[in-house]
N, C-alpha and C. Protein backbone atom coordinates (compact mmCIF):
# COMPACT_ATOMS: atom_id res chain seq x y z
N MET A 1 -17.17 38.16 85.65
CA MET A 1 -16.61 37.05 84.89
C MET A 1 -17.02 37.13 83.66
N THR A 2 -15.72 37.16 82.77
CA THR A 2 -16.10 37.57 81.42
C THR A 2 -16.67 36.31 80.42
N GLY A 3 -17.46 36.21 79.53
CA GLY A 3 -17.79 34.82 78.86
C GLY A 3 -17.11 34.65 77.93
N ALA A 4 -16.92 33.29 78.05
CA ALA A 4 -15.69 32.63 76.97
C ALA A 4 -16.57 32.79 75.43
N ARG A 5 -15.15 33.15 74.40
CA ARG A 5 -15.63 33.43 72.98
C ARG A 5 -16.19 32.08 72.38
N HIS A 6 -17.11 31.81 71.64
CA HIS A 6 -17.29 30.44 70.75
C HIS A 6 -16.84 30.59 69.30
N ALA A 7 -15.92 29.73 69.11
CA ALA A 7 -15.96 29.78 67.45
C ALA A 7 -16.89 29.41 66.54
N ALA A 8 -16.62 30.01 65.51
CA ALA A 8 -18.03 29.98 64.55
C ALA A 8 -17.69 28.52 63.92
N PRO A 9 -19.11 27.99 63.71
CA PRO A 9 -19.30 26.78 63.76
C PRO A 9 -18.74 26.42 61.84
N GLY A 10 -18.19 25.50 61.57
CA GLY A 10 -17.36 24.84 60.37
C GLY A 10 -18.75 24.57 59.65
N PRO A 11 -18.20 24.30 58.35
CA PRO A 11 -19.07 23.61 57.17
C PRO A 11 -19.47 22.49 57.70
N GLY A 12 -20.93 22.17 57.52
CA GLY A 12 -21.42 20.85 57.68
C GLY A 12 -21.17 19.66 57.03
N PRO A 13 -21.42 18.45 57.09
CA PRO A 13 -21.10 17.32 56.38
C PRO A 13 -21.59 17.32 55.00
N LEU A 14 -23.23 17.98 55.05
CA LEU A 14 -24.06 18.29 53.62
C LEU A 14 -23.07 19.39 53.06
N SER A 15 -22.62 20.59 53.55
CA SER A 15 -21.85 21.36 52.82
C SER A 15 -20.71 20.97 52.03
N ARG A 16 -19.92 20.19 52.47
CA ARG A 16 -18.73 19.61 52.11
C ARG A 16 -18.90 19.01 51.08
N THR A 17 -20.01 17.96 51.26
CA THR A 17 -20.45 16.99 50.22
C THR A 17 -20.68 17.58 48.89
N LEU A 18 -21.39 18.66 49.19
CA LEU A 18 -21.65 19.60 47.79
C LEU A 18 -20.79 20.48 47.14
N GLY A 19 -19.92 20.87 48.31
CA GLY A 19 -18.52 21.48 47.58
C GLY A 19 -17.97 20.68 46.81
N ALA A 20 -17.54 19.48 47.29
CA ALA A 20 -16.69 18.32 46.68
C ALA A 20 -17.52 17.54 45.28
N LEU A 21 -18.88 17.94 45.17
CA LEU A 21 -19.60 17.65 44.03
C LEU A 21 -19.45 18.65 43.16
N TYR A 22 -19.42 19.90 43.42
CA TYR A 22 -19.44 21.26 42.76
C TYR A 22 -17.77 21.21 41.99
N ARG A 23 -16.83 20.88 42.76
CA ARG A 23 -15.43 20.45 42.34
C ARG A 23 -15.48 19.63 41.37
N ALA A 24 -15.79 18.34 41.55
CA ALA A 24 -16.04 17.29 40.51
C ALA A 24 -16.39 17.64 39.18
N ARG A 25 -17.73 18.45 39.11
CA ARG A 25 -18.72 18.72 38.38
C ARG A 25 -17.81 19.45 37.23
N ILE A 26 -17.13 20.42 37.76
CA ILE A 26 -16.45 21.41 36.97
C ILE A 26 -14.97 20.67 36.35
N VAL A 27 -14.20 19.45 37.12
CA VAL A 27 -13.44 18.76 36.49
C VAL A 27 -14.03 17.79 35.47
N PHE A 28 -15.05 17.36 35.46
CA PHE A 28 -15.87 16.52 34.54
C PHE A 28 -16.21 17.12 33.33
N VAL A 29 -16.23 18.59 33.46
CA VAL A 29 -17.07 19.31 32.29
C VAL A 29 -15.92 19.61 31.50
N TRP A 30 -14.52 20.01 32.29
CA TRP A 30 -13.12 20.22 31.61
C TRP A 30 -12.70 19.19 30.89
N LEU A 31 -12.73 17.90 31.22
CA LEU A 31 -12.19 16.81 30.66
C LEU A 31 -13.09 16.44 29.55
N LEU A 32 -14.51 16.80 29.83
CA LEU A 32 -15.58 16.83 28.61
C LEU A 32 -15.28 17.57 27.53
N LEU A 33 -14.95 18.79 27.77
CA LEU A 33 -14.54 19.57 26.82
C LEU A 33 -13.33 19.09 26.13
N ALA A 34 -12.21 18.81 26.83
CA ALA A 34 -10.92 18.55 26.32
C ALA A 34 -11.08 17.30 25.24
N THR A 35 -11.97 16.30 25.94
CA THR A 35 -12.12 15.24 25.03
C THR A 35 -12.73 15.61 23.90
N GLY A 36 -13.68 16.20 23.72
CA GLY A 36 -14.33 16.94 22.49
C GLY A 36 -13.72 17.19 21.60
N LEU A 37 -12.83 18.47 21.97
CA LEU A 37 -11.40 18.88 21.23
C LEU A 37 -10.54 18.04 20.58
N ALA A 38 -9.97 17.06 21.50
CA ALA A 38 -9.36 16.11 20.67
C ALA A 38 -9.78 15.26 19.80
N LEU A 39 -11.20 14.89 20.05
CA LEU A 39 -11.96 14.03 19.09
C LEU A 39 -11.85 14.83 17.61
N ALA A 40 -12.49 16.31 17.75
CA ALA A 40 -12.48 17.05 16.65
C ALA A 40 -11.06 17.37 15.94
N ILE A 41 -10.36 17.53 16.59
CA ILE A 41 -8.81 17.63 15.89
C ILE A 41 -8.55 16.15 15.21
N ALA A 42 -8.88 15.14 15.67
CA ALA A 42 -8.57 13.76 15.26
C ALA A 42 -9.42 13.73 13.89
N SER A 43 -10.33 13.87 14.03
CA SER A 43 -11.36 14.26 12.70
C SER A 43 -11.09 15.07 11.63
N GLY A 44 -10.76 15.94 12.26
CA GLY A 44 -10.14 17.16 11.19
C GLY A 44 -8.75 16.69 10.20
N TRP A 45 -8.04 16.08 11.35
CA TRP A 45 -7.09 15.66 10.76
C TRP A 45 -6.97 14.12 9.86
N LYS A 46 -7.82 13.64 10.01
CA LYS A 46 -8.41 12.34 9.23
C LYS A 46 -8.99 13.17 7.85
N TRP A 47 -9.69 13.62 8.18
CA TRP A 47 -10.29 14.28 6.87
C TRP A 47 -9.16 15.12 5.86
N TYR A 48 -8.39 15.62 6.41
CA TYR A 48 -7.48 16.57 5.61
C TYR A 48 -6.37 15.60 5.04
N ALA A 49 -5.99 14.44 5.86
CA ALA A 49 -5.09 13.50 5.38
C ALA A 49 -5.73 12.55 3.95
N GLY A 50 -7.12 12.30 4.31
CA GLY A 50 -7.96 11.78 3.15
C GLY A 50 -8.11 12.69 1.99
N TRP A 51 -8.33 13.88 2.19
CA TRP A 51 -8.35 14.96 0.89
C TRP A 51 -6.97 15.12 0.27
N HIS A 52 -6.02 14.90 1.35
CA HIS A 52 -4.44 15.27 0.40
C HIS A 52 -4.36 13.75 -0.26
N ASP A 53 -4.63 12.54 0.23
CA ASP A 53 -4.37 11.44 -0.26
C ASP A 53 -5.33 11.58 -1.65
N ASN A 54 -6.20 11.44 -1.66
CA ASN A 54 -7.11 11.75 -3.07
C ASN A 54 -6.35 12.58 -4.14
N ARG A 55 -6.35 13.90 -3.60
CA ARG A 55 -5.48 14.76 -4.42
C ARG A 55 -4.31 14.02 -5.09
N THR A 56 -3.33 13.15 -4.38
CA THR A 56 -2.14 12.78 -4.91
C THR A 56 -2.35 11.84 -5.92
N ILE A 57 -3.48 10.80 -5.35
CA ILE A 57 -3.62 10.01 -6.22
C ILE A 57 -4.40 10.33 -7.81
N ARG A 58 -5.23 11.23 -7.32
CA ARG A 58 -5.62 12.05 -9.09
C ARG A 58 -4.44 12.46 -9.77
N ALA A 59 -3.80 13.20 -9.10
CA ALA A 59 -2.54 13.90 -10.10
C ALA A 59 -2.00 12.66 -10.50
N LEU A 60 -1.42 11.73 -9.70
CA LEU A 60 -0.38 10.54 -10.53
C LEU A 60 -1.21 9.86 -11.55
N GLY A 61 -2.67 9.59 -11.23
CA GLY A 61 -3.54 8.82 -12.24
C GLY A 61 -3.62 9.81 -13.52
N ALA A 62 -3.07 11.21 -13.30
CA ALA A 62 -3.04 12.17 -14.70
C ALA A 62 -1.71 12.23 -15.06
N GLY A 63 -0.82 11.76 -14.39
CA GLY A 63 0.10 11.76 -15.21
C GLY A 63 1.19 12.53 -14.50
N GLU A 64 1.03 13.24 -13.48
CA GLU A 64 2.05 14.27 -12.81
C GLU A 64 2.94 13.45 -12.14
N ASN A 65 4.00 13.93 -12.10
CA ASN A 65 5.36 13.32 -11.27
C ASN A 65 5.12 13.87 -9.80
N VAL A 66 4.14 13.28 -9.16
CA VAL A 66 4.07 13.48 -7.63
C VAL A 66 5.28 12.93 -6.70
N GLU A 67 5.89 13.38 -5.96
CA GLU A 67 7.02 12.69 -5.22
C GLU A 67 5.88 12.47 -3.78
N ILE A 68 6.47 11.59 -3.10
CA ILE A 68 5.96 10.92 -1.88
C ILE A 68 6.81 10.56 -1.09
N ALA A 69 6.65 10.65 0.08
CA ALA A 69 7.49 9.77 1.35
C ALA A 69 7.05 8.52 1.51
N PRO A 70 7.77 7.58 1.09
CA PRO A 70 7.42 6.13 1.23
C PRO A 70 7.12 5.64 2.45
N ASP A 71 7.94 6.04 3.55
CA ASP A 71 7.61 5.78 4.79
C ASP A 71 6.45 6.14 5.74
N LYS A 72 6.08 7.27 5.00
CA LYS A 72 4.79 7.91 5.61
C LYS A 72 3.45 7.96 4.72
N ALA A 73 3.49 7.37 3.69
CA ALA A 73 2.46 7.38 2.46
C ALA A 73 1.49 6.46 2.84
N SER A 74 0.05 6.56 2.82
CA SER A 74 -0.83 5.76 2.83
C SER A 74 -0.81 4.64 1.78
N PRO A 75 -1.20 3.08 2.00
CA PRO A 75 -1.07 1.84 1.00
C PRO A 75 -1.70 2.47 -0.44
N ALA A 76 -2.82 3.23 -0.15
CA ALA A 76 -3.48 3.44 -1.52
C ALA A 76 -2.34 4.54 -2.09
N VAL A 77 -1.66 5.68 -1.74
CA VAL A 77 -0.78 6.47 -2.06
C VAL A 77 0.26 5.78 -3.01
N LEU A 78 1.02 4.72 -1.91
CA LEU A 78 2.30 3.90 -2.47
C LEU A 78 1.68 3.25 -3.66
N PHE A 79 0.44 2.55 -3.89
CA PHE A 79 0.12 1.85 -5.07
C PHE A 79 0.02 2.63 -6.38
N ALA A 80 -0.78 4.00 -5.90
CA ALA A 80 -0.64 4.95 -7.32
C ALA A 80 0.61 5.65 -7.54
N ARG A 81 1.13 5.64 -6.66
CA ARG A 81 2.93 6.06 -7.07
C ARG A 81 3.53 5.14 -7.69
N ALA A 82 3.49 3.70 -7.21
CA ALA A 82 4.26 2.37 -8.10
C ALA A 82 3.62 2.37 -9.40
N HIS A 83 2.29 2.60 -9.53
CA HIS A 83 1.83 2.13 -10.79
C HIS A 83 2.16 3.23 -11.90
N TYR A 84 2.29 4.78 -11.08
CA TYR A 84 2.85 5.51 -12.25
C TYR A 84 4.18 5.21 -12.44
N LEU A 85 5.06 4.93 -11.40
CA LEU A 85 6.37 4.50 -11.88
C LEU A 85 6.75 3.48 -12.85
N LEU A 86 5.91 2.46 -12.53
CA LEU A 86 5.80 1.13 -13.42
C LEU A 86 5.28 1.18 -14.77
N LYS A 87 4.73 2.06 -15.17
CA LYS A 87 3.49 2.53 -16.28
C LYS A 87 5.05 3.05 -17.13
N ARG A 88 5.97 3.66 -16.42
CA ARG A 88 7.19 4.27 -17.26
C ARG A 88 8.38 3.48 -17.00
N ASP A 89 8.17 1.73 -16.44
CA ASP A 89 9.39 1.21 -16.43
C ASP A 89 10.35 1.73 -15.41
N ARG A 90 9.90 2.60 -14.35
CA ARG A 90 10.98 2.95 -13.79
C ARG A 90 10.83 1.91 -12.41
N VAL A 91 11.38 0.67 -12.76
CA VAL A 91 11.24 -0.41 -11.45
C VAL A 91 12.10 -0.18 -10.35
N GLY A 92 12.99 0.29 -10.77
CA GLY A 92 13.89 0.41 -9.30
C GLY A 92 13.68 1.16 -8.57
N GLU A 93 12.82 2.79 -8.93
CA GLU A 93 12.38 3.38 -7.95
C GLU A 93 10.93 2.93 -7.41
N ALA A 94 10.05 2.05 -8.18
CA ALA A 94 8.90 1.35 -7.39
C ALA A 94 9.26 0.35 -6.66
N GLN A 95 10.29 -0.24 -6.28
CA GLN A 95 10.81 -0.99 -5.53
C GLN A 95 10.82 -0.78 -4.12
N VAL A 96 11.28 0.46 -4.21
CA VAL A 96 11.20 0.95 -2.59
C VAL A 96 10.03 1.00 -1.89
N LEU A 97 8.87 1.23 -2.70
CA LEU A 97 7.56 1.57 -2.48
C LEU A 97 6.49 0.07 -2.11
N LEU A 98 7.22 -0.93 -2.86
CA LEU A 98 7.04 -2.17 -2.78
C LEU A 98 7.42 -3.03 -1.48
N ASP A 99 8.55 -2.17 -1.11
CA ASP A 99 9.00 -2.80 0.03
C ASP A 99 8.47 -2.23 1.61
N GLN A 100 7.76 -1.03 1.21
CA GLN A 100 6.98 -0.43 2.35
C GLN A 100 5.43 -1.31 2.28
N ALA A 101 4.88 -1.18 1.18
CA ALA A 101 3.72 -2.07 0.83
C ALA A 101 3.58 -3.65 1.69
N ASN A 102 4.98 -4.47 1.80
CA ASN A 102 4.82 -5.52 2.68
C ASN A 102 4.79 -5.37 3.94
N PHE A 103 5.22 -4.10 4.26
CA PHE A 103 5.11 -3.78 5.77
C PHE A 103 3.57 -3.40 6.27
N ARG A 104 2.90 -2.73 5.59
CA ARG A 104 1.95 -1.67 5.80
C ARG A 104 0.69 -1.95 4.96
N ALA A 105 0.76 -2.29 3.88
CA ALA A 105 -0.42 -2.65 2.85
C ALA A 105 -1.09 -3.73 3.11
N ASP A 106 -2.78 -3.75 2.88
CA ASP A 106 -3.62 -4.77 2.72
C ASP A 106 -3.07 -6.05 1.60
N ASP A 107 -3.50 -7.16 1.58
CA ASP A 107 -3.08 -7.94 0.76
C ASP A 107 -3.82 -7.41 -0.88
N LYS A 108 -4.99 -6.99 -0.60
CA LYS A 108 -5.47 -6.82 -1.98
C LYS A 108 -4.53 -5.44 -2.85
N THR A 109 -4.02 -4.45 -2.12
CA THR A 109 -2.93 -3.64 -2.30
C THR A 109 -1.95 -4.29 -2.89
N ARG A 110 -1.23 -4.95 -2.20
CA ARG A 110 -0.16 -5.75 -2.41
C ARG A 110 -0.04 -6.81 -3.43
N VAL A 111 -1.17 -7.37 -3.64
CA VAL A 111 -1.42 -8.04 -5.05
C VAL A 111 -1.11 -7.35 -6.41
N ALA A 112 -2.25 -6.21 -6.19
CA ALA A 112 -2.09 -5.12 -7.26
C ALA A 112 -0.70 -4.51 -7.63
N MET A 113 0.09 -4.28 -6.62
CA MET A 113 1.74 -3.63 -6.80
C MET A 113 2.50 -4.64 -7.42
N LEU A 114 2.19 -6.03 -6.68
CA LEU A 114 3.06 -7.10 -7.17
C LEU A 114 2.96 -7.66 -8.94
N TYR A 115 1.12 -7.27 -9.55
CA TYR A 115 1.23 -7.35 -10.92
C TYR A 115 1.56 -6.52 -11.71
N ASP A 116 1.73 -5.24 -11.11
CA ASP A 116 2.27 -4.14 -11.81
C ASP A 116 3.51 -4.63 -12.08
N ASP A 117 4.21 -4.67 -10.86
CA ASP A 117 5.42 -4.87 -11.07
C ASP A 117 6.08 -5.71 -11.89
N GLY A 118 5.44 -7.22 -11.79
CA GLY A 118 5.55 -8.41 -13.10
C GLY A 118 5.32 -7.90 -14.01
N ASN A 119 4.20 -6.94 -14.41
CA ASN A 119 4.27 -6.79 -16.07
C ASN A 119 5.23 -5.80 -16.43
N ALA A 120 5.58 -5.22 -15.33
CA ALA A 120 6.66 -4.02 -15.93
C ALA A 120 7.87 -4.94 -16.36
N ARG A 121 8.16 -6.02 -15.53
CA ARG A 121 9.78 -6.76 -15.89
C ARG A 121 9.17 -7.62 -16.84
N LEU A 122 8.03 -8.00 -17.39
CA LEU A 122 7.72 -8.72 -18.36
C LEU A 122 8.01 -7.90 -19.81
N ARG A 123 7.49 -6.69 -19.47
CA ARG A 123 7.64 -5.93 -20.72
C ARG A 123 8.98 -5.68 -21.31
N ALA A 124 9.96 -5.58 -20.41
CA ALA A 124 11.45 -5.64 -20.17
C ALA A 124 11.85 -6.64 -20.97
N THR A 125 11.24 -7.76 -20.65
CA THR A 125 11.70 -8.99 -21.06
C THR A 125 11.55 -9.39 -22.63
N PHE A 126 10.48 -8.81 -22.84
CA PHE A 126 10.41 -8.88 -24.53
C PHE A 126 11.31 -8.19 -25.05
N VAL A 127 11.26 -7.07 -24.71
CA VAL A 127 12.52 -5.69 -25.57
C VAL A 127 13.68 -6.46 -25.24
N ALA A 128 14.22 -7.04 -24.01
CA ALA A 128 15.22 -7.66 -24.43
C ALA A 128 15.77 -8.70 -25.35
N ILE A 129 14.59 -9.72 -25.38
CA ILE A 129 14.35 -10.69 -26.33
C ILE A 129 14.78 -10.02 -27.45
N GLU A 130 13.99 -8.96 -28.05
CA GLU A 130 14.04 -8.49 -29.18
C GLU A 130 15.53 -7.82 -29.69
N GLN A 131 16.39 -7.68 -28.48
CA GLN A 131 17.70 -6.83 -28.71
C GLN A 131 18.36 -7.92 -28.47
N GLY A 132 17.93 -9.36 -28.55
CA GLY A 132 18.86 -10.66 -28.54
C GLY A 132 20.03 -10.62 -27.20
N LYS A 133 19.41 -10.08 -26.00
CA LYS A 133 19.82 -9.92 -24.80
C LYS A 133 19.38 -11.42 -24.06
N PHE A 134 19.56 -12.51 -24.17
CA PHE A 134 19.12 -13.37 -23.65
C PHE A 134 19.29 -13.67 -22.16
N ASP A 135 20.40 -13.08 -21.83
CA ASP A 135 20.65 -13.46 -19.86
C ASP A 135 20.22 -12.38 -19.17
N LYS A 136 20.14 -11.06 -19.76
CA LYS A 136 19.49 -10.06 -19.51
C LYS A 136 17.86 -10.68 -19.39
N ALA A 137 17.43 -11.09 -20.30
CA ALA A 137 15.84 -11.40 -20.45
C ALA A 137 15.36 -12.60 -19.62
N THR A 138 16.38 -13.27 -19.33
CA THR A 138 16.51 -14.36 -18.32
C THR A 138 16.21 -13.96 -16.85
N SER A 139 16.94 -13.27 -16.48
CA SER A 139 16.83 -12.43 -14.93
C SER A 139 15.55 -11.98 -15.15
N LEU A 140 15.21 -11.21 -15.92
CA LEU A 140 13.86 -10.32 -15.80
C LEU A 140 12.69 -11.02 -15.88
N VAL A 141 12.81 -12.19 -16.44
CA VAL A 141 11.55 -13.01 -16.33
C VAL A 141 11.63 -14.00 -15.28
N ASN A 142 12.40 -14.21 -14.94
CA ASN A 142 12.59 -14.70 -13.51
C ASN A 142 12.02 -13.92 -12.29
N LEU A 143 12.25 -12.86 -12.63
CA LEU A 143 11.73 -11.79 -11.29
C LEU A 143 10.55 -11.35 -11.42
N ALA A 144 9.89 -11.24 -12.77
CA ALA A 144 8.50 -11.25 -13.00
C ALA A 144 7.60 -12.57 -12.59
N LYS A 145 8.57 -13.75 -12.73
CA LYS A 145 7.88 -14.96 -12.13
C LYS A 145 7.50 -14.76 -10.56
N ALA A 146 8.76 -14.82 -9.92
CA ALA A 146 8.65 -14.10 -8.42
C ALA A 146 7.59 -13.31 -8.11
N ASP A 147 7.58 -12.29 -8.48
CA ASP A 147 6.30 -11.44 -8.42
C ASP A 147 5.08 -12.07 -8.54
N TYR A 148 4.82 -12.72 -9.64
CA TYR A 148 3.48 -13.37 -9.67
C TYR A 148 3.20 -14.45 -8.63
N ILE A 149 4.26 -15.25 -8.53
CA ILE A 149 3.92 -16.36 -7.33
C ILE A 149 3.82 -15.58 -6.17
N GLN A 150 4.34 -14.54 -5.78
CA GLN A 150 4.31 -14.06 -4.39
C GLN A 150 2.87 -13.49 -4.33
N ALA A 151 2.43 -12.58 -5.62
CA ALA A 151 0.82 -12.47 -5.29
C ALA A 151 -0.23 -13.39 -5.31
N LEU A 152 0.02 -14.92 -5.90
CA LEU A 152 -0.69 -15.87 -6.07
C LEU A 152 -0.79 -16.38 -4.45
N ARG A 153 0.05 -16.38 -3.87
CA ARG A 153 0.12 -16.60 -2.52
C ARG A 153 -0.55 -16.04 -1.50
N LEU A 154 -0.75 -14.70 -2.00
CA LEU A 154 -1.70 -13.62 -1.19
C LEU A 154 -3.34 -13.82 -1.93
N GLU A 155 -3.41 -14.15 -3.14
CA GLU A 155 -4.61 -14.40 -3.81
C GLU A 155 -4.81 -15.19 -4.73
N PRO A 156 -4.98 -16.50 -4.43
CA PRO A 156 -4.76 -17.59 -5.34
C PRO A 156 -5.87 -17.30 -6.55
N ARG A 157 -6.66 -16.80 -6.31
CA ARG A 157 -7.69 -16.78 -7.49
C ARG A 157 -7.59 -15.53 -8.29
N ALA A 158 -6.14 -14.94 -8.11
CA ALA A 158 -6.43 -13.56 -9.21
C ALA A 158 -6.05 -14.25 -10.45
N TRP A 159 -7.16 -13.92 -11.56
CA TRP A 159 -7.07 -14.81 -12.63
C TRP A 159 -5.79 -13.96 -13.85
N ASP A 160 -5.92 -12.40 -13.71
CA ASP A 160 -4.90 -12.09 -14.56
C ASP A 160 -3.56 -12.46 -14.18
N VAL A 161 -3.19 -12.42 -12.60
CA VAL A 161 -1.93 -12.97 -12.20
C VAL A 161 -1.80 -14.13 -12.75
N LYS A 162 -2.38 -15.01 -12.75
CA LYS A 162 -2.55 -16.51 -13.24
C LYS A 162 -1.87 -16.54 -14.75
N TYR A 163 -2.75 -15.65 -15.56
CA TYR A 163 -2.79 -15.54 -16.78
C TYR A 163 -1.35 -15.26 -17.29
N ASN A 164 -0.93 -14.26 -16.77
CA ASN A 164 0.40 -13.69 -16.89
C ASN A 164 1.74 -14.59 -16.32
N MET A 165 1.24 -15.18 -15.28
CA MET A 165 2.20 -16.12 -14.53
C MET A 165 2.43 -17.63 -15.73
N ASP A 166 1.33 -17.88 -16.30
CA ASP A 166 1.37 -18.84 -17.36
C ASP A 166 2.54 -18.58 -18.53
N VAL A 167 2.40 -17.16 -18.97
CA VAL A 167 2.94 -16.54 -20.10
C VAL A 167 4.25 -16.58 -19.59
N ALA A 168 4.75 -15.89 -18.37
CA ALA A 168 6.22 -16.11 -17.99
C ALA A 168 6.97 -17.38 -17.80
N ALA A 169 5.82 -18.63 -17.27
CA ALA A 169 6.54 -19.73 -17.38
C ALA A 169 6.64 -20.17 -18.73
N ARG A 170 5.86 -20.09 -19.70
CA ARG A 170 6.28 -20.58 -20.97
C ARG A 170 7.41 -19.83 -21.50
N LEU A 171 7.72 -18.71 -21.28
CA LEU A 171 8.71 -18.01 -21.82
C LEU A 171 10.25 -18.41 -21.23
N VAL A 172 10.13 -18.65 -19.94
CA VAL A 172 11.55 -19.25 -19.21
C VAL A 172 11.51 -20.69 -20.19
N ARG A 173 10.63 -21.35 -20.48
CA ARG A 173 10.92 -22.41 -21.13
C ARG A 173 11.45 -22.49 -22.79
N ASP A 174 10.94 -21.42 -22.99
CA ASP A 174 11.49 -21.33 -25.01
C ASP A 174 12.73 -20.33 -24.78
N LEU A 175 13.16 -19.74 -23.79
CA LEU A 175 14.30 -18.79 -23.69
C LEU A 175 15.41 -19.98 -23.93
N PRO A 176 16.32 -19.43 -24.69
CA PRO A 176 17.50 -20.54 -24.86
C PRO A 176 18.45 -20.46 -23.53
N ASN A 177 19.24 -21.55 -22.83
CA ASN A 177 20.02 -21.82 -22.09
C ASN A 177 19.18 -21.65 -20.71
N ILE A 178 18.22 -21.74 -20.68
CA ILE A 178 17.32 -21.74 -19.27
C ILE A 178 16.60 -23.14 -19.00
N ALA A 179 17.01 -23.82 -18.27
CA ALA A 179 16.74 -24.80 -17.75
C ALA A 179 15.34 -25.19 -17.09
N PRO A 180 14.16 -25.63 -17.83
CA PRO A 180 12.76 -25.53 -17.20
C PRO A 180 12.82 -26.01 -15.84
N SER A 181 11.92 -25.49 -14.96
CA SER A 181 11.52 -26.49 -13.84
C SER A 181 10.42 -27.45 -14.03
N GLU A 182 10.17 -28.27 -13.32
CA GLU A 182 8.91 -29.35 -13.27
C GLU A 182 7.82 -28.55 -13.78
N GLU A 183 7.48 -27.44 -12.92
CA GLU A 183 6.23 -26.71 -13.31
C GLU A 183 6.18 -25.97 -14.39
N ASP A 184 6.80 -25.58 -14.63
CA ASP A 184 6.90 -24.93 -16.52
C ASP A 184 6.74 -26.31 -17.23
N MET A 185 7.30 -27.51 -17.23
CA MET A 185 7.12 -28.75 -18.14
C MET A 185 5.76 -28.73 -18.04
N GLN A 186 4.90 -28.70 -17.24
CA GLN A 186 3.67 -28.96 -17.16
C GLN A 186 2.81 -28.01 -17.60
N GLN A 187 3.39 -26.55 -18.29
CA GLN A 187 2.69 -25.90 -18.89
C GLN A 187 2.48 -26.32 -20.70
N GLU A 188 1.14 -25.91 -21.10
CA GLU A 188 0.88 -26.35 -22.44
C GLU A 188 1.38 -25.20 -23.12
N PRO A 189 2.04 -25.23 -24.45
CA PRO A 189 2.67 -24.28 -25.35
C PRO A 189 1.20 -23.51 -25.98
N ARG A 190 1.57 -21.98 -26.04
CA ARG A 190 0.79 -21.31 -26.80
C ARG A 190 1.29 -20.41 -27.98
N LYS A 191 0.61 -20.20 -28.53
CA LYS A 191 1.36 -18.98 -29.51
C LYS A 191 1.04 -17.46 -29.44
N ASP A 192 1.83 -16.88 -29.92
CA ASP A 192 1.70 -15.23 -30.09
C ASP A 192 1.65 -14.65 -28.75
N LEU A 193 2.74 -14.87 -27.84
CA LEU A 193 2.72 -14.13 -26.37
C LEU A 193 2.42 -12.97 -26.26
N TRP A 194 2.56 -12.09 -27.30
CA TRP A 194 2.39 -10.62 -27.03
C TRP A 194 0.91 -10.22 -27.09
N SER A 195 0.07 -11.11 -28.00
CA SER A 195 -1.60 -10.95 -28.08
C SER A 195 -2.00 -11.67 -26.71
N ASP A 196 -1.45 -12.30 -25.80
CA ASP A 196 -2.01 -13.54 -24.86
C ASP A 196 -1.84 -12.61 -23.50
N LEU A 197 -0.53 -11.69 -23.61
CA LEU A 197 -0.23 -10.82 -22.38
C LEU A 197 -1.34 -9.87 -22.20
N PRO A 198 -2.16 -9.94 -20.92
CA PRO A 198 -2.89 -8.58 -20.78
C PRO A 198 -2.35 -7.29 -20.29
N GLY A 199 -2.56 -6.22 -21.14
CA GLY A 199 -1.94 -4.95 -20.83
C GLY A 199 -0.33 -4.68 -21.31
N VAL A 200 -0.13 -6.19 -22.06
CA VAL A 200 1.31 -5.52 -22.83
C VAL A 200 1.15 -5.79 -24.05
N PRO A 201 0.75 -4.77 -24.93
CA PRO A 201 0.96 -5.00 -26.29
C PRO A 201 2.07 -4.80 -26.89
N ARG A 202 2.38 -5.55 -28.25
CA ARG A 202 3.41 -5.27 -28.82
C ARG A 202 3.89 -3.85 -29.12
N GLY A 203 5.04 -3.55 -29.05
CA GLY A 203 5.68 -2.43 -29.08
C GLY A 203 5.95 -1.78 -27.85
N ALA A 204 5.70 -0.20 -27.70
CA ALA A 204 6.19 0.59 -26.86
C ALA A 204 5.15 0.04 -25.73
N PRO A 205 5.45 0.04 -24.40
CA PRO A 205 4.62 -0.54 -22.97
C PRO A 205 3.67 0.81 -22.86
């Protein structure tokens, strides 16, 4: 009688457990490597973006006409580009950047941009007055006031904004054919608006 063949014994519970742990360790190592690589890429991209922003801001500050993508630029770059444009009284182009800042910028940046915009409009107001274009001056000074009012809602303690708001309010009262508001009537008159206006010397802006 021929003896029956016996099947080789399979791996025991301990072997199966060790195999599962080994496979899990390999998966964990790969996940760890992938996570590290993703973090390194993110960190590198953040560094590059910051470096690029700083280079753009320095170039704009030096007077270079650097174009930006308003819908992608950081708030700091939006401010730098708007400041460049407003110093040159290119208010219409800067308005696009102000609209973007309303959605994405912090309050401090928005206040600075509104202050710059109001000053540009106020400079244009004085030019219009000197040219005898009082209707245009009326429109411009009211737009300047709107900028200052919005800035003061964001930062009520902004002294420079308050100061220029006072100048704009008195100018509204003094321009012909402009009905002053109750708030404007409460403002005390002052002389020589040109010398009182920070950052707006008489002559070319």
